[in-house]
Amino acid sequence: MNILIINSGSSSLKYQIIEMPSEKVVCNGLIERIGQQNSKFVYNPINGEEVEIEETIADHKQGLSILVSYLFDEKLGVLKSKKDIKIIGHRVVHGGNKFSKTRIVTPEVKAGIKELFSLAPLHNPAHLLGIEVCEELFPETKQIVVFDTAFHQTMPSKAYKYALPKKLTEEKKIRVYGFHGTSHKYVSEKANEFLGTTNTKLITLHIGNGASVSAVENGKCVDHSMGFSPTTGLVMGTRIGDIDPSVVLHLIKNLGYSVDEVSDLLIKKSGMLGMTGYSDFRDLVYQSQNGNTDCTEALELYAYRVKKYIGSYTAAMNGLDALVFTAGAGENSIELRKLICENLSFLGIELDEDLNNVRPKELIEIQAKNSKVKILIIPTNEELEIAKQCFELI
């Protein structure tokens, strides 16, 4: 059974066709920097030659249309007809209180995803667009959604509750939901397989344009950096991360910002972009190495915020067995991993800089010999995790 996985991020789209239950990848690829002039489209059929194109890709809809044209191309395609795709699995960031399990797409499910636009404005609209484009292109194919919030449903109330009146927390369901759950679930399970036990205390760092930290104890999420929406927690490419809520009130009451302007500021114009003019870690590192002090300061600030979460989650779990780096920058930014691991010896975290000098395609250890905590790079595979959940549902 061929399952097409669509994983839309705020500025990127990854995809794979996976044959289940063998877990054999038929083709994969990605679309990067959507909405920018230097967008990149990569199409990689496993038994063919990789195609890479750089052109402006205005939005997710255009990116998906390009992908479909390659899938069924007479020379480059990997499929003969649309009937060869039995399921299309979609990653959806926010399931709110409505969706805690994998679901077949129905009008009610789509309406529920739309209701949550305001809580994940960079993601849920792109996900719903992907679903609707795929429904149009593949009208006879079953569409399934996997929610990023599901993995974090195991958090205890002391971790997910806000100190608000009960009417808001219980009736209005204002709480910590957590995100990137598909990735955190995948890499934490891979880490436990490597360690040979589920009796572990892990901190998983999903670091990309969006970024989050999870505390995972005995295979279950017990705390998470993102909250009611994917805006809080770590500083991100364009998102603010943690901020005193009084700043929001000050912007509106005293500086004349409208609610929409504040939303746009905190979600699309802040983070690393707001501090430096750059949102991609590759650009930030390059600029820093070439004397851009704003970028140097931003990277140091970023690493400092990550360190604080590592310290707090180690305290919350009363120990730490492994620190896991994953996602785009977590897997590929040698410089960022070094900054994050510096001066954490008190927690037993010691990085081997020679081992760290790598961008691996599979799980690798990068801790020093005397490190009490293992430091792992585990390339995430949200697409495979989605395929597993889709196949199990059907």
Protein backbone atom coordinates (compact mmCIF):
# COMPACT_ATOMS: atom_id res chain seq x y z
CA MET A 1 0.00 0.00 0.00
CA ASN A 2 1.46 3.36 -1.07
CA ILE A 3 0.90 6.24 1.34
CA LEU A 4 1.72 9.79 0.30
CA ILE A 5 2.76 11.85 3.31
CA ILE A 6 2.39 15.62 3.22
CA ASN A 7 4.22 17.47 6.02
CA SER A 8 3.64 21.21 5.68
CA GLY A 9 5.62 23.60 7.84
CA SER A 10 5.31 27.36 8.08
CA SER A 11 7.81 27.92 5.25
CA SER A 12 8.53 24.43 4.00
CA LEU A 13 6.90 21.23 2.82
CA LYS A 14 8.40 17.77 3.10
CA TYR A 15 6.89 14.75 1.42
CA GLN A 16 7.43 11.04 1.01
CA ILE A 17 5.69 8.13 -0.62
CA ILE A 18 6.10 5.14 1.68
CA GLU A 19 5.08 1.60 0.90
CA MET A 20 3.48 0.01 3.95
CA PRO A 21 3.87 -2.16 5.89
CA SER A 22 7.39 -2.68 4.51
CA GLU A 23 8.24 1.00 5.28
CA LYS A 24 10.02 1.19 1.94
CA VAL A 25 10.46 4.76 0.68
CA VAL A 26 9.43 5.14 -2.97
CA CYS A 27 10.32 8.81 -3.29
CA ASN A 28 10.91 11.81 -1.09
CA GLY A 29 11.78 15.45 -1.27
CA LEU A 30 11.14 18.89 0.07
CA ILE A 31 10.19 22.42 -0.80
CA GLU A 32 12.12 25.07 1.12
CA ARG A 33 11.74 28.80 1.69
CA ILE A 34 8.17 28.96 0.40
CA GLY A 35 7.14 32.53 -0.27
CA GLN A 36 10.71 33.69 -0.92
CA GLN A 37 12.49 34.35 -4.20
CA ASN A 38 15.10 31.66 -3.57
CA SER A 39 12.64 28.79 -3.05
CA LYS A 40 13.96 25.30 -3.71
CA PHE A 41 12.11 22.20 -4.91
CA VAL A 42 13.77 18.78 -4.50
CA TYR A 43 12.32 15.58 -5.99
CA ASN A 44 14.16 12.37 -5.21
CA PRO A 45 12.82 9.08 -6.67
CA ILE A 46 14.68 6.31 -4.85
CA ASN A 47 15.38 4.43 -8.08
CA GLY A 48 15.99 7.49 -10.24
CA GLU A 49 17.94 10.72 -10.46
CA GLU A 50 17.31 13.57 -8.07
CA VAL A 51 15.82 16.75 -9.49
CA GLU A 52 16.54 20.11 -7.85
CA ILE A 53 14.97 23.37 -9.00
CA GLU A 54 15.38 26.88 -7.65
CA GLU A 55 12.53 29.22 -8.48
CA THR A 56 9.99 31.38 -6.68
CA ILE A 57 7.26 29.25 -5.12
CA ALA A 58 4.61 31.63 -3.87
CA ASP A 59 2.65 29.34 -1.58
CA HIS A 60 1.99 25.76 -0.53
CA LYS A 61 -0.61 25.25 -3.24
CA GLN A 62 1.89 26.00 -5.99
CA GLY A 63 4.43 23.70 -4.34
CA LEU A 64 1.99 20.78 -4.19
CA SER A 65 1.03 21.30 -7.83
CA ILE A 66 4.69 21.07 -8.86
CA LEU A 67 5.08 17.90 -6.82
CA VAL A 68 2.08 16.20 -8.44
CA SER A 69 3.39 17.03 -11.92
CA TYR A 70 6.59 15.12 -11.13
CA LEU A 71 4.94 12.12 -9.44
CA PHE A 72 3.11 11.18 -12.66
CA ASP A 73 5.63 12.39 -15.22
CA GLU A 74 6.16 9.81 -17.99
CA LYS A 75 9.94 9.82 -17.60
CA LEU A 76 10.57 10.93 -14.03
CA GLY A 77 7.43 9.75 -12.24
CA VAL A 78 7.30 6.93 -9.72
CA LEU A 79 3.61 6.15 -10.13
CA LYS A 80 1.48 5.23 -13.13
CA SER A 81 -1.89 6.45 -11.91
CA LYS A 82 -3.54 8.13 -8.97
CA LYS A 83 -5.03 4.80 -7.97
CA ASP A 84 -1.53 3.75 -6.89
CA ILE A 85 -1.85 6.08 -3.89
CA LYS A 86 -4.23 4.50 -1.39
CA ILE A 87 -3.87 7.00 1.45
CA ILE A 88 -2.66 10.57 1.79
CA GLY A 89 -1.51 11.30 5.33
CA HIS A 90 -1.33 14.91 6.51
CA ARG A 91 0.46 16.42 9.48
CA VAL A 92 -1.71 18.96 11.29
CA VAL A 93 -0.09 21.08 13.99
CA HIS A 94 -3.03 21.95 16.23
CA GLY A 95 -5.75 19.53 17.21
CA GLY A 96 -6.94 21.58 20.17
CA ASN A 97 -9.24 19.77 22.56
CA LYS A 98 -11.19 18.15 19.73
CA PHE A 99 -8.57 15.88 18.23
CA SER A 100 -6.31 13.68 20.33
CA LYS A 101 -6.10 10.79 17.85
CA THR A 102 -5.44 10.18 14.16
CA ARG A 103 -8.60 10.85 12.10
CA ILE A 104 -9.99 10.21 8.61
CA VAL A 105 -10.75 13.54 6.94
CA THR A 106 -14.42 14.47 6.94
CA PRO A 107 -16.16 17.84 6.55
CA GLU A 108 -16.40 17.95 10.36
CA VAL A 109 -12.68 17.34 10.75
CA LYS A 110 -11.85 20.09 8.25
CA ALA A 111 -14.18 22.47 10.07
CA GLY A 112 -12.44 21.62 13.34
CA ILE A 113 -9.01 22.33 11.82
CA LYS A 114 -10.32 25.65 10.52
CA GLU A 115 -11.68 26.61 13.93
CA LEU A 116 -8.11 26.37 15.24
CA PHE A 117 -6.60 28.75 12.66
CA SER A 118 -6.21 31.48 15.27
CA LEU A 119 -4.15 29.18 17.51
CA ALA A 120 -1.75 28.05 14.75
CA PRO A 121 -2.00 30.75 12.05
CA LEU A 122 1.29 29.79 10.37
CA HIS A 123 0.39 26.12 10.13
CA ASN A 124 -3.24 25.03 10.25
CA PRO A 125 -4.22 27.14 7.21
CA ALA A 126 -1.36 25.57 5.22
CA HIS A 127 -2.41 22.09 6.40
CA LEU A 128 -6.04 22.62 5.44
CA LEU A 129 -4.98 24.00 2.07
CA GLY A 130 -2.85 20.89 1.54
CA ILE A 131 -5.79 18.66 2.40
CA GLU A 132 -8.15 20.52 0.06
CA VAL A 133 -5.66 20.54 -2.82
CA CYS A 134 -5.10 16.81 -2.36
CA GLU A 135 -8.85 16.18 -2.24
CA GLU A 136 -9.13 18.03 -5.55
CA LEU A 137 -6.20 16.19 -7.13
CA PHE A 138 -7.02 12.78 -5.63
CA PRO A 139 -10.82 12.69 -5.20
CA GLU A 140 -10.96 8.92 -4.66
CA THR A 141 -8.04 8.67 -2.20
CA LYS A 142 -8.62 8.44 1.54
CA GLN A 143 -7.22 11.47 3.40
CA ILE A 144 -6.02 11.03 6.99
CA VAL A 145 -4.73 13.60 9.49
CA VAL A 146 -2.22 13.09 12.29
CA PHE A 147 -2.15 15.80 14.96
CA ASP A 148 1.06 17.14 16.49
CA THR A 149 -0.71 17.77 19.77
CA ALA A 150 -1.55 14.09 20.38
CA PHE A 151 1.84 13.01 21.82
CA HIS A 152 1.62 15.63 24.55
CA GLN A 153 -1.69 14.42 25.97
CA THR A 154 0.24 12.46 28.62
CA MET A 155 1.46 15.65 30.34
CA PRO A 156 0.26 15.86 33.97
CA SER A 157 -2.02 18.73 34.94
CA LYS A 158 0.79 20.50 36.82
CA ALA A 159 2.57 20.81 33.46
CA TYR A 160 -0.30 21.66 31.14
CA LYS A 161 -2.44 23.93 33.34
CA TYR A 162 -2.21 27.70 33.39
CA ALA A 163 -2.88 29.57 36.63
CA LEU A 164 -6.14 30.97 35.31
CA PRO A 165 -9.68 30.79 36.70
CA LYS A 166 -11.29 27.36 36.29
CA LYS A 167 -13.88 28.75 33.92
CA LEU A 168 -11.13 29.44 31.40
CA THR A 169 -9.02 26.33 31.94
CA GLU A 170 -11.87 23.82 32.17
CA GLU A 171 -14.74 25.29 30.20
CA LYS A 172 -12.79 27.16 27.54
CA LYS A 173 -9.97 24.59 27.42
CA ILE A 174 -7.17 27.14 27.68
CA ARG A 175 -4.13 25.00 28.47
CA VAL A 176 -0.74 23.85 27.22
CA TYR A 177 -1.26 21.63 24.18
CA GLY A 178 2.28 21.16 22.91
CA PHE A 179 3.43 20.79 19.30
CA HIS A 180 5.92 18.99 17.05
CA GLY A 181 4.59 15.88 18.78
CA THR A 182 5.04 13.64 15.74
CA SER A 183 8.74 14.47 15.68
CA HIS A 184 9.24 14.25 19.45
CA LYS A 185 7.46 10.88 19.51
CA TYR A 186 9.58 9.49 16.67
CA VAL A 187 13.00 10.55 18.00
CA SER A 188 12.23 9.63 21.63
CA GLU A 189 11.25 6.13 20.53
CA LYS A 190 14.42 5.86 18.43
CA ALA A 191 16.50 7.04 21.40
CA ASN A 192 14.93 4.41 23.65
CA GLU A 193 15.57 1.72 21.05
CA PHE A 194 19.22 2.79 20.97
CA LEU A 195 19.48 2.89 24.76
CA GLY A 196 17.80 -0.51 25.00
CA THR A 197 15.16 0.53 27.51
CA THR A 198 12.08 2.73 27.90
CA ASN A 199 13.05 3.47 31.50
CA THR A 200 14.70 6.71 30.46
CA LYS A 201 14.72 10.46 31.01
CA LEU A 202 15.15 12.30 27.74
CA ILE A 203 15.13 15.89 26.54
CA THR A 204 14.33 16.12 22.84
CA LEU A 205 15.24 19.33 21.00
CA HIS A 206 13.32 19.91 17.76
CA ILE A 207 15.19 22.88 16.30
CA GLY A 208 14.19 24.36 12.97
CA ASN A 209 12.34 27.45 11.79
CA GLY A 210 9.87 26.37 14.45
CA ALA A 211 11.46 24.98 17.61
CA SER A 212 10.40 23.18 20.76
CA VAL A 213 11.68 21.11 23.68
CA SER A 214 10.05 18.06 25.25
CA ALA A 215 10.76 16.27 28.50
CA VAL A 216 10.09 12.58 27.89
CA GLU A 217 10.11 10.20 30.84
CA ASN A 218 9.66 6.45 30.39
CA GLY A 219 8.46 7.01 26.83
CA LYS A 220 5.81 9.59 27.71
CA CYS A 221 5.84 13.35 27.36
CA VAL A 222 5.76 15.01 30.79
CA ASP A 223 6.44 18.63 29.78
CA HIS A 224 6.82 20.75 26.67
CA SER A 225 7.99 24.25 25.79
CA MET A 226 5.18 25.31 23.46
CA GLY A 227 1.84 26.11 25.03
CA PHE A 228 -1.67 27.08 23.95
CA SER A 229 -0.24 27.90 20.51
CA PRO A 230 3.07 27.22 18.70
CA THR A 231 4.22 30.78 19.45
CA THR A 232 5.61 30.30 22.96
CA GLY A 233 8.72 28.56 24.25
CA LEU A 234 12.01 28.90 22.38
CA VAL A 235 12.85 31.82 20.15
CA MET A 236 12.08 30.74 16.57
CA GLY A 237 12.71 31.86 13.01
CA THR A 238 9.96 34.48 13.03
CA ARG A 239 8.11 33.74 16.31
CA ILE A 240 8.76 35.51 19.59
CA GLY A 241 8.89 32.57 22.00
CA ASP A 242 8.43 33.27 25.71
CA ILE A 243 7.49 36.87 26.52
CA ASP A 244 5.98 38.78 29.43
CA PRO A 245 2.25 39.15 28.54
CA SER A 246 2.44 42.74 29.79
CA VAL A 247 4.47 43.56 26.67
CA VAL A 248 1.43 42.62 24.57
CA LEU A 249 -0.79 44.87 26.68
CA HIS A 250 1.75 47.69 26.44
CA LEU A 251 1.86 47.43 22.64
CA ILE A 252 -1.92 47.71 22.44
CA LYS A 253 -2.71 50.17 25.22
CA ASN A 254 0.27 52.51 25.04
CA LEU A 255 1.91 52.14 21.63
CA GLY A 256 -1.22 52.06 19.48
CA TYR A 257 -0.90 48.58 17.99
CA SER A 258 -4.07 46.78 16.93
CA VAL A 259 -4.65 43.16 17.92
CA ASP A 260 -3.97 42.03 14.34
CA GLU A 261 -0.76 44.06 14.23
CA VAL A 262 0.46 42.50 17.48
CA SER A 263 -0.37 39.03 16.18
CA ASP A 264 1.55 39.69 12.97
CA LEU A 265 4.47 41.15 14.94
CA LEU A 266 4.82 38.26 17.38
CA ILE A 267 4.29 35.46 14.86
CA LYS A 268 5.76 36.67 11.58
CA LYS A 269 8.15 39.56 12.34
CA SER A 270 9.90 38.63 15.58
CA GLY A 271 12.29 35.85 16.59
CA MET A 272 15.59 35.64 14.75
CA LEU A 273 14.14 37.58 11.81
CA GLY A 274 13.17 40.50 14.00
CA MET A 275 16.54 40.58 15.74
CA THR A 276 18.73 40.23 12.65
CA GLY A 277 16.79 40.33 9.38
CA TYR A 278 17.53 36.61 8.89
CA SER A 279 15.36 33.66 9.91
CA ASP A 280 17.36 30.72 8.52
CA PHE A 281 20.09 29.37 10.81
CA ARG A 282 22.40 28.80 7.86
CA ASP A 283 22.25 32.50 7.05
CA LEU A 284 22.63 33.45 10.71
CA VAL A 285 25.76 31.35 11.18
CA TYR A 286 27.29 32.63 7.93
CA GLN A 287 26.61 36.22 8.86
CA SER A 288 27.96 35.72 12.38
CA GLN A 289 31.17 34.16 11.08
CA ASN A 290 31.60 37.17 8.81
CA GLY A 291 31.34 39.78 11.53
CA ASN A 292 27.61 40.44 11.86
CA THR A 293 27.35 41.15 15.59
CA ASP A 294 23.53 41.13 15.56
CA CYS A 295 23.60 37.54 14.31
CA THR A 296 26.24 36.54 16.85
CA GLU A 297 24.17 37.99 19.67
CA ALA A 298 21.00 36.32 18.37
CA LEU A 299 22.66 32.89 18.24
CA GLU A 300 24.00 33.31 21.76
CA LEU A 301 20.56 34.38 22.99
CA TYR A 302 18.98 31.41 21.25
CA ALA A 303 21.38 28.92 22.82
CA TYR A 304 20.91 30.54 26.23
CA ARG A 305 17.14 30.06 26.06
CA VAL A 306 17.61 26.39 25.12
CA LYS A 307 20.00 25.89 28.04
CA LYS A 308 17.37 27.20 30.47
CA TYR A 309 14.87 24.62 29.26
CA ILE A 310 17.45 21.85 29.51
CA GLY A 311 18.16 22.84 33.11
CA SER A 312 14.50 23.12 34.12
CA TYR A 313 13.46 19.83 32.52
CA THR A 314 16.42 17.99 34.04
CA ALA A 315 15.25 19.28 37.42
CA ALA A 316 11.63 18.35 36.70
CA MET A 317 12.59 14.75 35.86
CA ASN A 318 15.27 14.58 38.58
CA GLY A 319 17.88 13.48 36.09
CA LEU A 320 18.75 13.10 32.42
CA ASP A 321 19.93 10.12 30.40
CA ALA A 322 20.13 11.64 26.92
CA LEU A 323 19.89 14.95 25.13
CA VAL A 324 18.52 14.53 21.59
CA PHE A 325 19.00 17.00 18.73
CA THR A 326 16.68 16.77 15.75
CA ALA A 327 15.03 18.73 12.88
CA GLY A 328 16.74 21.01 10.36
CA ALA A 329 19.10 23.05 12.53
CA GLY A 330 19.31 20.45 15.28
CA GLU A 331 20.61 17.88 12.81
CA ASN A 332 22.75 20.14 10.66
CA SER A 333 24.01 23.16 12.60
CA ILE A 334 27.35 22.18 14.10
CA GLU A 335 27.76 25.67 15.52
CA LEU A 336 24.37 25.79 17.22
CA ARG A 337 24.81 22.40 18.91
CA LYS A 338 28.18 23.57 20.24
CA LEU A 339 26.70 26.79 21.65
CA ILE A 340 23.85 24.90 23.34
CA CYS A 341 26.09 22.29 24.97
CA GLU A 342 28.71 24.73 26.24
CA ASN A 343 28.91 25.15 30.02
CA LEU A 344 26.49 22.35 30.86
CA SER A 345 29.07 20.13 32.56
CA PHE A 346 27.29 20.61 35.89
CA LEU A 347 24.44 18.56 34.41
CA GLY A 348 26.83 15.92 33.10
CA ILE A 349 26.64 17.15 29.50
CA GLU A 350 30.02 17.18 27.74
CA LEU A 351 30.23 17.57 23.95
CA ASP A 352 33.00 16.05 21.82
CA GLU A 353 33.69 18.77 19.25
CA ASP A 354 35.26 16.35 16.76
CA LEU A 355 32.25 14.03 16.87
CA ASN A 356 29.97 17.05 16.64
CA ASN A 357 31.55 18.11 13.36
CA VAL A 358 29.04 16.15 11.29
CA ARG A 359 25.65 16.37 9.59
CA PRO A 360 24.48 12.78 9.93
CA LYS A 361 21.79 10.87 8.06
CA GLU A 362 21.32 8.39 10.87
CA LEU A 363 21.52 8.27 14.67
CA ILE A 364 24.93 9.23 16.04
CA GLU A 365 26.47 9.91 19.48
CA ILE A 366 28.46 13.12 19.90
CA GLN A 367 29.17 13.23 23.65
CA ALA A 368 32.68 13.19 25.12
CA LYS A 369 33.95 10.04 26.81
CA ASN A 370 33.54 11.54 30.27
CA SER A 371 30.00 12.81 29.62
CA LYS A 372 27.45 11.34 32.03
CA VAL A 373 24.64 12.22 29.63
CA LYS A 374 24.50 10.87 26.09
CA ILE A 375 24.17 13.50 23.37
CA LEU A 376 22.44 12.11 20.31
CA ILE A 377 21.65 13.45 16.87
CA ILE A 378 18.61 11.61 15.54
CA PRO A 379 17.31 12.68 12.12
CA THR A 380 13.60 13.01 12.53
CA ASN A 381 11.23 11.15 10.24
CA GLU A 382 7.82 12.59 10.85
CA GLU A 383 6.69 11.18 7.51
CA LEU A 384 7.37 7.58 8.56
CA GLU A 385 5.64 8.16 11.89
CA ILE A 386 2.62 9.56 10.06
CA ALA A 387 2.61 6.60 7.66
CA LYS A 388 2.65 4.18 10.61
CA GLN A 389 -0.29 5.90 12.26
CA CYS A 390 -2.27 6.06 9.00
CA PHE A 391 -1.66 2.38 8.28
CA GLU A 392 -2.61 1.37 11.82
CA LEU A 393 -5.85 3.36 11.58
CA ILE A 394 -6.89 1.71 8.33
